[in-house]
Amino acid sequence: MAEKTQAKLLEYKGRPLIRKDNILYYGNISEENIVILNILGTEPFKDITLAKRVSISLMLTDQSLNPMEQIVKSSEKPDLFQALDLAAVWLDRAEKK
């Protein structure tokens, strides 16, 4: 019988990072908050495409709320690294509350 292999999720600073097209979901959906990163622009670099201009939103995972009420804070950063770094800080602070 074939064994099932479980795909390892990509992580950043110990939290899952899932990508769907130009949207990245960062954090555990089972926790109170998650960060959504939306890549607003890209730039070619050698043989890859780099994310430029990233919108960041710290959101509550409570589905009973109106989508606009779910947004706790938002910002925009010039690249993906800065956006992920800020997202990690926001989630760390949200966990401490």
PDB file of N, CA and C in Angstrom:
ATOM      1  N   MET A   1       0.838  -1.169   0.000  1.00  0.00           N
ATOM      2  CA  MET A   1       0.000   0.000   0.000  1.00  0.00           C
ATOM      3  C   MET A   1       0.891   1.243   0.000  1.00  0.00           C
ATOM      4  N   ALA A   2       0.582   2.172  -0.850  1.00  0.00           N
ATOM      5  CA  ALA A   2       1.404   3.383  -0.971  1.00  0.00           C
ATOM      6  C   ALA A   2       1.209   4.288   0.235  1.00  0.00           C
ATOM      7  N   GLU A   3       2.323   4.815   0.724  1.00  0.00           N
ATOM      8  CA  GLU A   3       2.250   5.746   1.847  1.00  0.00           C
ATOM      9  C   GLU A   3       1.902   7.128   1.333  1.00  0.00           C
ATOM     10  N   LYS A   4       1.098   7.821   2.122  1.00  0.00           N
ATOM     11  CA  LYS A   4       0.763   9.191   1.766  1.00  0.00           C
ATOM     12  C   LYS A   4       1.904  10.093   2.215  1.00  0.00           C
ATOM     13  N   THR A   5       2.323  10.948   1.328  1.00  0.00           N
ATOM     14  CA  THR A   5       3.351  11.918   1.699  1.00  0.00           C
ATOM     15  C   THR A   5       2.670  13.243   1.963  1.00  0.00           C
ATOM     16  N   GLN A   6       3.066  13.852   3.049  1.00  0.00           N
ATOM     17  CA  GLN A   6       2.467  15.124   3.422  1.00  0.00           C
ATOM     18  C   GLN A   6       3.392  16.245   2.958  1.00  0.00           C
ATOM     19  N   ALA A   7       2.829  17.176   2.199  1.00  0.00           N
ATOM     20  CA  ALA A   7       3.616  18.301   1.700  1.00  0.00           C
ATOM     21  C   ALA A   7       3.952  19.237   2.854  1.00  0.00           C
ATOM     22  N   LYS A   8       5.196  19.661   2.903  1.00  0.00           N
ATOM     23  CA  LYS A   8       5.615  20.595   3.937  1.00  0.00           C
ATOM     24  C   LYS A   8       5.266  22.006   3.482  1.00  0.00           C
ATOM     25  N   LEU A   9       4.607  22.740   4.362  1.00  0.00           N
ATOM     26  CA  LEU A   9       4.236  24.114   4.055  1.00  0.00           C
ATOM     27  C   LEU A   9       5.452  25.024   4.146  1.00  0.00           C
ATOM     28  N   LEU A  10       5.449  26.044   3.327  1.00  0.00           N
ATOM     29  CA  LEU A  10       6.467  27.070   3.410  1.00  0.00           C
ATOM     30  C   LEU A  10       6.203  27.876   4.677  1.00  0.00           C
ATOM     31  N   GLU A  11       7.249  28.189   5.420  1.00  0.00           N
ATOM     32  CA  GLU A  11       7.105  28.947   6.658  1.00  0.00           C
ATOM     33  C   GLU A  11       8.035  30.145   6.651  1.00  0.00           C
ATOM     34  N   TYR A  12       7.627  31.188   7.379  1.00  0.00           N
ATOM     35  CA  TYR A  12       8.473  32.347   7.619  1.00  0.00           C
ATOM     36  C   TYR A  12       8.369  32.666   9.098  1.00  0.00           C
ATOM     37  N   LYS A  13       9.482  32.628   9.782  1.00  0.00           N
ATOM     38  CA  LYS A  13       9.560  32.874  11.221  1.00  0.00           C
ATOM     39  C   LYS A  13       8.573  32.005  12.003  1.00  0.00           C
ATOM     40  N   GLY A  14       8.488  30.732  11.602  1.00  0.00           N
ATOM     41  CA  GLY A  14       7.692  29.760  12.332  1.00  0.00           C
ATOM     42  C   GLY A  14       6.205  29.755  12.047  1.00  0.00           C
ATOM     43  N   ARG A  15       5.758  30.541  11.095  1.00  0.00           N
ATOM     44  CA  ARG A  15       4.335  30.578  10.753  1.00  0.00           C
ATOM     45  C   ARG A  15       4.158  30.173   9.289  1.00  0.00           C
ATOM     46  N   PRO A  16       3.031  29.518   8.969  1.00  0.00           N
ATOM     47  CA  PRO A  16       2.803  29.098   7.585  1.00  0.00           C
ATOM     48  C   PRO A  16       2.602  30.285   6.637  1.00  0.00           C
ATOM     49  N   LEU A  17       3.069  30.117   5.424  1.00  0.00           N
ATOM     50  CA  LEU A  17       2.951  31.120   4.377  1.00  0.00           C
ATOM     51  C   LEU A  17       2.405  30.409   3.143  1.00  0.00           C
ATOM     52  N   ILE A  18       1.197  30.777   2.744  1.00  0.00           N
ATOM     53  CA  ILE A  18       0.526  30.111   1.633  1.00  0.00           C
ATOM     54  C   ILE A  18       0.257  31.128   0.538  1.00  0.00           C
ATOM     55  N   ARG A  19       0.563  30.749  -0.703  1.00  0.00           N
ATOM     56  CA  ARG A  19       0.379  31.662  -1.826  1.00  0.00           C
ATOM     57  C   ARG A  19      -0.700  31.164  -2.766  1.00  0.00           C
ATOM     58  N   LYS A  20      -1.536  32.101  -3.202  1.00  0.00           N
ATOM     59  CA  LYS A  20      -2.543  31.843  -4.241  1.00  0.00           C
ATOM     60  C   LYS A  20      -2.473  33.016  -5.198  1.00  0.00           C
ATOM     61  N   ASP A  21      -1.887  32.816  -6.367  1.00  0.00           N
ATOM     62  CA  ASP A  21      -1.665  33.871  -7.358  1.00  0.00           C
ATOM     63  C   ASP A  21      -0.841  34.995  -6.735  1.00  0.00           C
ATOM     64  N   ASN A  22      -1.370  36.207  -6.660  1.00  0.00           N
ATOM     65  CA  ASN A  22      -0.629  37.340  -6.105  1.00  0.00           C
ATOM     66  C   ASN A  22      -1.018  37.655  -4.663  1.00  0.00           C
ATOM     67  N   ILE A  23      -1.657  36.718  -3.994  1.00  0.00           N
ATOM     68  CA  ILE A  23      -2.057  36.909  -2.605  1.00  0.00           C
ATOM     69  C   ILE A  23      -1.359  35.865  -1.746  1.00  0.00           C
ATOM     70  N   LEU A  24      -0.769  36.331  -0.634  1.00  0.00           N
ATOM     71  CA  LEU A  24      -0.127  35.432   0.318  1.00  0.00           C
ATOM     72  C   LEU A  24      -0.864  35.514   1.643  1.00  0.00           C
ATOM     73  N   TYR A  25      -1.100  34.367   2.257  1.00  0.00           N
ATOM     74  CA  TYR A  25      -1.746  34.280   3.563  1.00  0.00           C
ATOM     75  C   TYR A  25      -0.672  33.867   4.553  1.00  0.00           C
ATOM     76  N   TYR A  26      -0.504  34.667   5.592  1.00  0.00           N
ATOM     77  CA  TYR A  26       0.576  34.438   6.550  1.00  0.00           C
ATOM     78  C   TYR A  26      -0.007  34.288   7.950  1.00  0.00           C
ATOM     79  N   GLY A  27       0.274  33.163   8.580  1.00  0.00           N
ATOM     80  CA  GLY A  27      -0.200  32.897   9.938  1.00  0.00           C
ATOM     81  C   GLY A  27      -1.085  31.670   9.973  1.00  0.00           C
ATOM     82  N   ASN A  28      -1.485  31.316  11.184  1.00  0.00           N
ATOM     83  CA  ASN A  28      -2.351  30.151  11.398  1.00  0.00           C
ATOM     84  C   ASN A  28      -3.807  30.585  11.375  1.00  0.00           C
ATOM     85  N   ILE A  29      -4.600  29.979  10.530  1.00  0.00           N
ATOM     86  CA  ILE A  29      -6.010  30.327  10.415  1.00  0.00           C
ATOM     87  C   ILE A  29      -6.772  29.978  11.696  1.00  0.00           C
ATOM     88  N   SER A  30      -6.228  29.079  12.508  1.00  0.00           N
ATOM     89  CA  SER A  30      -6.881  28.699  13.759  1.00  0.00           C
ATOM     90  C   SER A  30      -6.657  29.725  14.869  1.00  0.00           C
ATOM     91  N   GLU A  31      -5.786  30.696  14.649  1.00  0.00           N
ATOM     92  CA  GLU A  31      -5.545  31.741  15.633  1.00  0.00           C
ATOM     93  C   GLU A  31      -6.468  32.928  15.373  1.00  0.00           C
ATOM     94  N   GLU A  32      -6.422  33.907  16.246  1.00  0.00           N
ATOM     95  CA  GLU A  32      -7.331  35.052  16.160  1.00  0.00           C
ATOM     96  C   GLU A  32      -7.031  35.973  14.982  1.00  0.00           C
ATOM     97  N   ASN A  33      -5.756  36.072  14.580  1.00  0.00           N
ATOM     98  CA  ASN A  33      -5.356  36.986  13.505  1.00  0.00           C
ATOM     99  C   ASN A  33      -4.569  36.270  12.419  1.00  0.00           C
ATOM    100  N   ILE A  34      -4.653  36.818  11.220  1.00  0.00           N
ATOM    101  CA  ILE A  34      -3.869  36.359  10.081  1.00  0.00           C
ATOM    102  C   ILE A  34      -3.510  37.598   9.255  1.00  0.00           C
ATOM    103  N   VAL A  35      -2.434  37.526   8.510  1.00  0.00           N
ATOM    104  CA  VAL A  35      -2.043  38.650   7.654  1.00  0.00           C
ATOM    105  C   VAL A  35      -2.221  38.238   6.199  1.00  0.00           C
ATOM    106  N   ILE A  36      -2.820  39.141   5.441  1.00  0.00           N
ATOM    107  CA  ILE A  36      -2.969  38.923   4.002  1.00  0.00           C
ATOM    108  C   ILE A  36      -2.075  39.924   3.295  1.00  0.00           C
ATOM    109  N   LEU A  37      -1.203  39.400   2.433  1.00  0.00           N
ATOM    110  CA  LEU A  37      -0.283  40.234   1.656  1.00  0.00           C
ATOM    111  C   LEU A  37      -0.706  40.153   0.195  1.00  0.00           C
ATOM    112  N   ASN A  38      -0.945  41.298  -0.390  1.00  0.00           N
ATOM    113  CA  ASN A  38      -1.381  41.367  -1.779  1.00  0.00           C
ATOM    114  C   ASN A  38      -0.280  42.031  -2.602  1.00  0.00           C
ATOM    115  N   ILE A  39       0.277  41.300  -3.545  1.00  0.00           N
ATOM    116  CA  ILE A  39       1.350  41.839  -4.392  1.00  0.00           C
ATOM    117  C   ILE A  39       0.708  42.743  -5.442  1.00  0.00           C
ATOM    118  N   LEU A  40       1.020  44.029  -5.357  1.00  0.00           N
ATOM    119  CA  LEU A  40       0.405  45.019  -6.239  1.00  0.00           C
ATOM    120  C   LEU A  40       1.188  45.249  -7.521  1.00  0.00           C
ATOM    121  N   GLY A  41       2.479  44.937  -7.486  1.00  0.00           N
ATOM    122  CA  GLY A  41       3.299  45.136  -8.672  1.00  0.00           C
ATOM    123  C   GLY A  41       4.491  44.203  -8.674  1.00  0.00           C
ATOM    124  N   THR A  42       5.003  43.918  -9.848  1.00  0.00           N
ATOM    125  CA  THR A  42       6.171  43.042  -9.976  1.00  0.00           C
ATOM    126  C   THR A  42       7.207  43.708 -10.874  1.00  0.00           C
ATOM    127  N   GLU A  43       8.425  43.178 -10.809  1.00  0.00           N
ATOM    128  CA  GLU A  43       9.536  43.712 -11.601  1.00  0.00           C
ATOM    129  C   GLU A  43      10.427  42.555 -12.027  1.00  0.00           C
ATOM    130  N   PRO A  44      10.775  42.483 -13.301  1.00  0.00           N
ATOM    131  CA  PRO A  44      11.667  41.401 -13.729  1.00  0.00           C
ATOM    132  C   PRO A  44      13.093  41.628 -13.222  1.00  0.00           C
ATOM    133  N   PHE A  45      13.737  40.542 -12.819  1.00  0.00           N
ATOM    134  CA  PHE A  45      15.127  40.576 -12.383  1.00  0.00           C
ATOM    135  C   PHE A  45      15.785  39.295 -12.868  1.00  0.00           C
ATOM    136  N   LYS A  46      16.695  39.435 -13.817  1.00  0.00           N
ATOM    137  CA  LYS A  46      17.333  38.283 -14.476  1.00  0.00           C
ATOM    138  C   LYS A  46      16.255  37.346 -14.993  1.00  0.00           C
ATOM    139  N   ASP A  47      16.177  36.114 -14.479  1.00  0.00           N
ATOM    140  CA  ASP A  47      15.191  35.169 -14.994  1.00  0.00           C
ATOM    141  C   ASP A  47      14.020  34.943 -14.042  1.00  0.00           C
ATOM    142  N   ILE A  48      13.834  35.846 -13.049  1.00  0.00           N
ATOM    143  CA  ILE A  48      12.707  35.714 -12.119  1.00  0.00           C
ATOM    144  C   ILE A  48      11.928  37.026 -12.065  1.00  0.00           C
ATOM    145  N   THR A  49      10.804  36.989 -11.415  1.00  0.00           N
ATOM    146  CA  THR A  49       9.985  38.176 -11.212  1.00  0.00           C
ATOM    147  C   THR A  49       9.939  38.479  -9.723  1.00  0.00           C
ATOM    148  N   LEU A  50      10.295  39.697  -9.353  1.00  0.00           N
ATOM    149  CA  LEU A  50      10.296  40.121  -7.954  1.00  0.00           C
ATOM    150  C   LEU A  50       9.018  40.880  -7.626  1.00  0.00           C
ATOM    151  N   ALA A  51       8.547  40.685  -6.406  1.00  0.00           N
ATOM    152  CA  ALA A  51       7.367  41.415  -5.950  1.00  0.00           C
ATOM    153  C   ALA A  51       7.771  42.833  -5.555  1.00  0.00           C
ATOM    154  N   LYS A  52       7.055  43.784  -6.053  1.00  0.00           N
ATOM    155  CA  LYS A  52       7.231  45.195  -5.700  1.00  0.00           C
ATOM    156  C   LYS A  52       5.868  45.727  -5.283  1.00  0.00           C
ATOM    157  N   ARG A  53       5.865  46.651  -4.344  1.00  0.00           N
ATOM    158  CA  ARG A  53       4.623  47.216  -3.808  1.00  0.00           C
ATOM    159  C   ARG A  53       3.704  46.106  -3.288  1.00  0.00           C
ATOM    160  N   VAL A  54       3.747  45.919  -2.011  1.00  0.00           N
ATOM    161  CA  VAL A  54       2.954  44.881  -1.367  1.00  0.00           C
ATOM    162  C   VAL A  54       2.029  45.526  -0.343  1.00  0.00           C
ATOM    163  N   SER A  55       0.752  45.250  -0.454  1.00  0.00           N
ATOM    164  CA  SER A  55      -0.247  45.715   0.497  1.00  0.00           C
ATOM    165  C   SER A  55      -0.364  44.666   1.608  1.00  0.00           C
ATOM    166  N   ILE A  56      -0.405  45.131   2.865  1.00  0.00           N
ATOM    167  CA  ILE A  56      -0.450  44.226   4.018  1.00  0.00           C
ATOM    168  C   ILE A  56      -1.689  44.541   4.837  1.00  0.00           C
ATOM    169  N   SER A  57      -2.421  43.514   5.254  1.00  0.00           N
ATOM    170  CA  SER A  57      -3.594  43.709   6.106  1.00  0.00           C
ATOM    171  C   SER A  57      -3.594  42.676   7.223  1.00  0.00           C
ATOM    172  N   LEU A  58      -3.627  43.164   8.465  1.00  0.00           N
ATOM    173  CA  LEU A  58      -3.808  42.294   9.626  1.00  0.00           C
ATOM    174  C   LEU A  58      -5.312  42.131   9.796  1.00  0.00           C
ATOM    175  N   MET A  59      -5.768  40.884   9.783  1.00  0.00           N
ATOM    176  CA  MET A  59      -7.203  40.626   9.791  1.00  0.00           C
ATOM    177  C   MET A  59      -7.577  39.663  10.902  1.00  0.00           C
ATOM    178  N   LEU A  60      -8.778  39.856  11.426  1.00  0.00           N
ATOM    179  CA  LEU A  60      -9.347  38.903  12.373  1.00  0.00           C
ATOM    180  C   LEU A  60      -9.877  37.707  11.587  1.00  0.00           C
ATOM    181  N   THR A  61      -9.767  36.521  12.154  1.00  0.00           N
ATOM    182  CA  THR A  61     -10.240  35.323  11.449  1.00  0.00           C
ATOM    183  C   THR A  61     -11.702  35.007  11.751  1.00  0.00           C
ATOM    184  N   ASP A  62     -12.354  35.843  12.531  1.00  0.00           N
ATOM    185  CA  ASP A  62     -13.765  35.652  12.889  1.00  0.00           C
ATOM    186  C   ASP A  62     -14.641  35.892  11.659  1.00  0.00           C
ATOM    187  N   GLN A  63     -15.210  34.825  11.103  1.00  0.00           N
ATOM    188  CA  GLN A  63     -15.996  34.909   9.877  1.00  0.00           C
ATOM    189  C   GLN A  63     -17.376  35.530  10.095  1.00  0.00           C
ATOM    190  N   SER A  64     -17.799  35.694  11.356  1.00  0.00           N
ATOM    191  CA  SER A  64     -19.108  36.289  11.616  1.00  0.00           C
ATOM    192  C   SER A  64     -19.087  37.806  11.438  1.00  0.00           C
ATOM    193  N   LEU A  65     -17.891  38.390  11.356  1.00  0.00           N
ATOM    194  CA  LEU A  65     -17.768  39.834  11.179  1.00  0.00           C
ATOM    195  C   LEU A  65     -17.863  40.220   9.706  1.00  0.00           C
ATOM    196  N   ASN A  66     -18.279  41.445   9.467  1.00  0.00           N
ATOM    197  CA  ASN A  66     -18.275  42.037   8.136  1.00  0.00           C
ATOM    198  C   ASN A  66     -16.816  42.092   7.674  1.00  0.00           C
ATOM    199  N   PRO A  67     -16.504  41.833   6.403  1.00  0.00           N
ATOM    200  CA  PRO A  67     -15.111  41.860   5.944  1.00  0.00           C
ATOM    201  C   PRO A  67     -14.374  43.163   6.269  1.00  0.00           C
ATOM    202  N   MET A  68     -15.056  44.284   6.241  1.00  0.00           N
ATOM    203  CA  MET A  68     -14.400  45.546   6.578  1.00  0.00           C
ATOM    204  C   MET A  68     -14.094  45.637   8.080  1.00  0.00           C
ATOM    205  N   GLU A  69     -14.895  44.984   8.906  1.00  0.00           N
ATOM    206  CA  GLU A  69     -14.658  44.970  10.351  1.00  0.00           C
ATOM    207  C   GLU A  69     -13.527  44.014  10.718  1.00  0.00           C
ATOM    208  N   GLN A  70     -13.208  43.078   9.837  1.00  0.00           N
ATOM    209  CA  GLN A  70     -12.138  42.122  10.094  1.00  0.00           C
ATOM    210  C   GLN A  70     -10.758  42.768  10.005  1.00  0.00           C
ATOM    211  N   ILE A  71     -10.638  43.857   9.277  1.00  0.00           N
ATOM    212  CA  ILE A  71      -9.337  44.514   9.100  1.00  0.00           C
ATOM    213  C   ILE A  71      -8.971  45.279  10.363  1.00  0.00           C
ATOM    214  N   VAL A  72      -7.855  44.887  10.976  1.00  0.00           N
ATOM    215  CA  VAL A  72      -7.372  45.539  12.188  1.00  0.00           C
ATOM    216  C   VAL A  72      -6.460  46.704  11.810  1.00  0.00           C
ATOM    217  N   LYS A  73      -5.532  46.469  10.902  1.00  0.00           N
ATOM    218  CA  LYS A  73      -4.645  47.519  10.392  1.00  0.00           C
ATOM    219  C   LYS A  73      -4.122  47.121   9.034  1.00  0.00           C
ATOM    220  N   SER A  74      -3.659  48.128   8.292  1.00  0.00           N
ATOM    221  CA  SER A  74      -3.117  47.856   6.961  1.00  0.00           C
ATOM    222  C   SER A  74      -2.000  48.842   6.647  1.00  0.00           C
ATOM    223  N   SER A  75      -1.166  48.446   5.690  1.00  0.00           N
ATOM    224  CA  SER A  75      -0.032  49.259   5.282  1.00  0.00           C
ATOM    225  C   SER A  75       0.398  48.827   3.889  1.00  0.00           C
ATOM    226  N   GLU A  76       1.385  49.511   3.355  1.00  0.00           N
ATOM    227  CA  GLU A  76       1.955  49.136   2.070  1.00  0.00           C
ATOM    228  C   GLU A  76       3.474  49.266   2.167  1.00  0.00           C
ATOM    229  N   LYS A  77       4.182  48.287   1.626  1.00  0.00           N
ATOM    230  CA  LYS A  77       5.650  48.279   1.645  1.00  0.00           C
ATOM    231  C   LYS A  77       6.182  48.122   0.224  1.00  0.00           C
ATOM    232  N   PRO A  78       7.438  48.569   0.004  1.00  0.00           N
ATOM    233  CA  PRO A  78       7.990  48.537  -1.356  1.00  0.00           C
ATOM    234  C   PRO A  78       8.470  47.168  -1.838  1.00  0.00           C
ATOM    235  N   ASP A  79       8.626  46.189  -0.930  1.00  0.00           N
ATOM    236  CA  ASP A  79       9.039  44.859  -1.376  1.00  0.00           C
ATOM    237  C   ASP A  79       8.506  43.787  -0.420  1.00  0.00           C
ATOM    238  N   LEU A  80       8.605  42.549  -0.855  1.00  0.00           N
ATOM    239  CA  LEU A  80       8.029  41.437  -0.108  1.00  0.00           C
ATOM    240  C   LEU A  80       8.730  41.209   1.227  1.00  0.00           C
ATOM    241  N   PHE A  81      10.054  41.361   1.277  1.00  0.00           N
ATOM    242  CA  PHE A  81      10.768  41.123   2.530  1.00  0.00           C
ATOM    243  C   PHE A  81      10.299  42.092   3.614  1.00  0.00           C
ATOM    244  N   GLN A  82      10.215  43.367   3.298  1.00  0.00           N
ATOM    245  CA  GLN A  82       9.766  44.348   4.285  1.00  0.00           C
ATOM    246  C   GLN A  82       8.329  44.077   4.709  1.00  0.00           C
ATOM    247  N   ALA A  83       7.496  43.647   3.769  1.00  0.00           N
ATOM    248  CA  ALA A  83       6.101  43.341   4.075  1.00  0.00           C
ATOM    249  C   ALA A  83       5.995  42.136   5.014  1.00  0.00           C
ATOM    250  N   LEU A  84       6.761  41.083   4.737  1.00  0.00           N
ATOM    251  CA  LEU A  84       6.730  39.903   5.600  1.00  0.00           C
ATOM    252  C   LEU A  84       7.288  40.205   6.984  1.00  0.00           C
ATOM    253  N   ASP A  85       8.322  41.030   7.045  1.00  0.00           N
ATOM    254  CA  ASP A  85       8.907  41.399   8.322  1.00  0.00           C
ATOM    255  C   ASP A  85       7.891  42.157   9.179  1.00  0.00           C
ATOM    256  N   LEU A  86       7.184  43.108   8.589  1.00  0.00           N
ATOM    257  CA  LEU A  86       6.154  43.846   9.310  1.00  0.00           C
ATOM    258  C   LEU A  86       5.004  42.925   9.716  1.00  0.00           C
ATOM    259  N   ALA A  87       4.627  42.013   8.841  1.00  0.00           N
ATOM    260  CA  ALA A  87       3.553  41.063   9.140  1.00  0.00           C
ATOM    261  C   ALA A  87       3.910  40.203  10.351  1.00  0.00           C
ATOM    262  N   ALA A  88       5.164  39.769  10.444  1.00  0.00           N
ATOM    263  CA  ALA A  88       5.601  38.961  11.585  1.00  0.00           C
ATOM    264  C   ALA A  88       5.513  39.763  12.887  1.00  0.00           C
ATOM    265  N   VAL A  89       5.886  41.023  12.845  1.00  0.00           N
ATOM    266  CA  VAL A  89       5.793  41.885  14.031  1.00  0.00           C
ATOM    267  C   VAL A  89       4.335  42.065  14.437  1.00  0.00           C
ATOM    268  N   TRP A  90       3.468  42.332  13.474  1.00  0.00           N
ATOM    269  CA  TRP A  90       2.050  42.498  13.779  1.00  0.00           C
ATOM    270  C   TRP A  90       1.461  41.250  14.432  1.00  0.00           C
ATOM    271  N   LEU A  91       1.798  40.072  13.910  1.00  0.00           N
ATOM    272  CA  LEU A  91       1.260  38.842  14.488  1.00  0.00           C
ATOM    273  C   LEU A  91       1.838  38.580  15.888  1.00  0.00           C
ATOM    274  N   ASP A  92       3.124  38.891  16.082  1.00  0.00           N
ATOM    275  CA  ASP A  92       3.720  38.748  17.416  1.00  0.00           C
ATOM    276  C   ASP A  92       2.996  39.629  18.422  1.00  0.00           C
ATOM    277  N   ARG A  93       2.750  40.865  18.064  1.00  0.00           N
ATOM    278  CA  ARG A  93       2.059  41.799  18.954  1.00  0.00           C
ATOM    279  C   ARG A  93       0.611  41.385  19.198  1.00  0.00           C
ATOM    280  N   ALA A  94      -0.054  40.886  18.175  1.00  0.00           N
ATOM    281  CA  ALA A  94      -1.447  40.455  18.305  1.00  0.00           C
ATOM    282  C   ALA A  94      -1.555  39.248  19.248  1.00  0.00           C
ATOM    283  N   GLU A  95      -0.565  38.366  19.225  1.00  0.00           N
ATOM    284  CA  GLU A  95      -0.581  37.197  20.111  1.00  0.00           C
ATOM    285  C   GLU A  95      -0.427  37.589  21.581  1.00  0.00           C
ATOM    286  N   LYS A  96       0.301  38.678  21.825  1.00  0.00           N
ATOM    287  CA  LYS A  96       0.552  39.104  23.210  1.00  0.00           C
ATOM    288  C   LYS A  96      -0.663  39.762  23.849  1.00  0.00           C
ATOM    289  N   LYS A  97      -1.615  40.221  23.046  1.00  0.00           N
ATOM    290  CA  LYS A  97      -2.814  40.877  23.597  1.00  0.00           C
ATOM    291  C   LYS A  97      -3.761  39.873  24.186  1.00  0.00           C
TER     292      LYS A  97
END
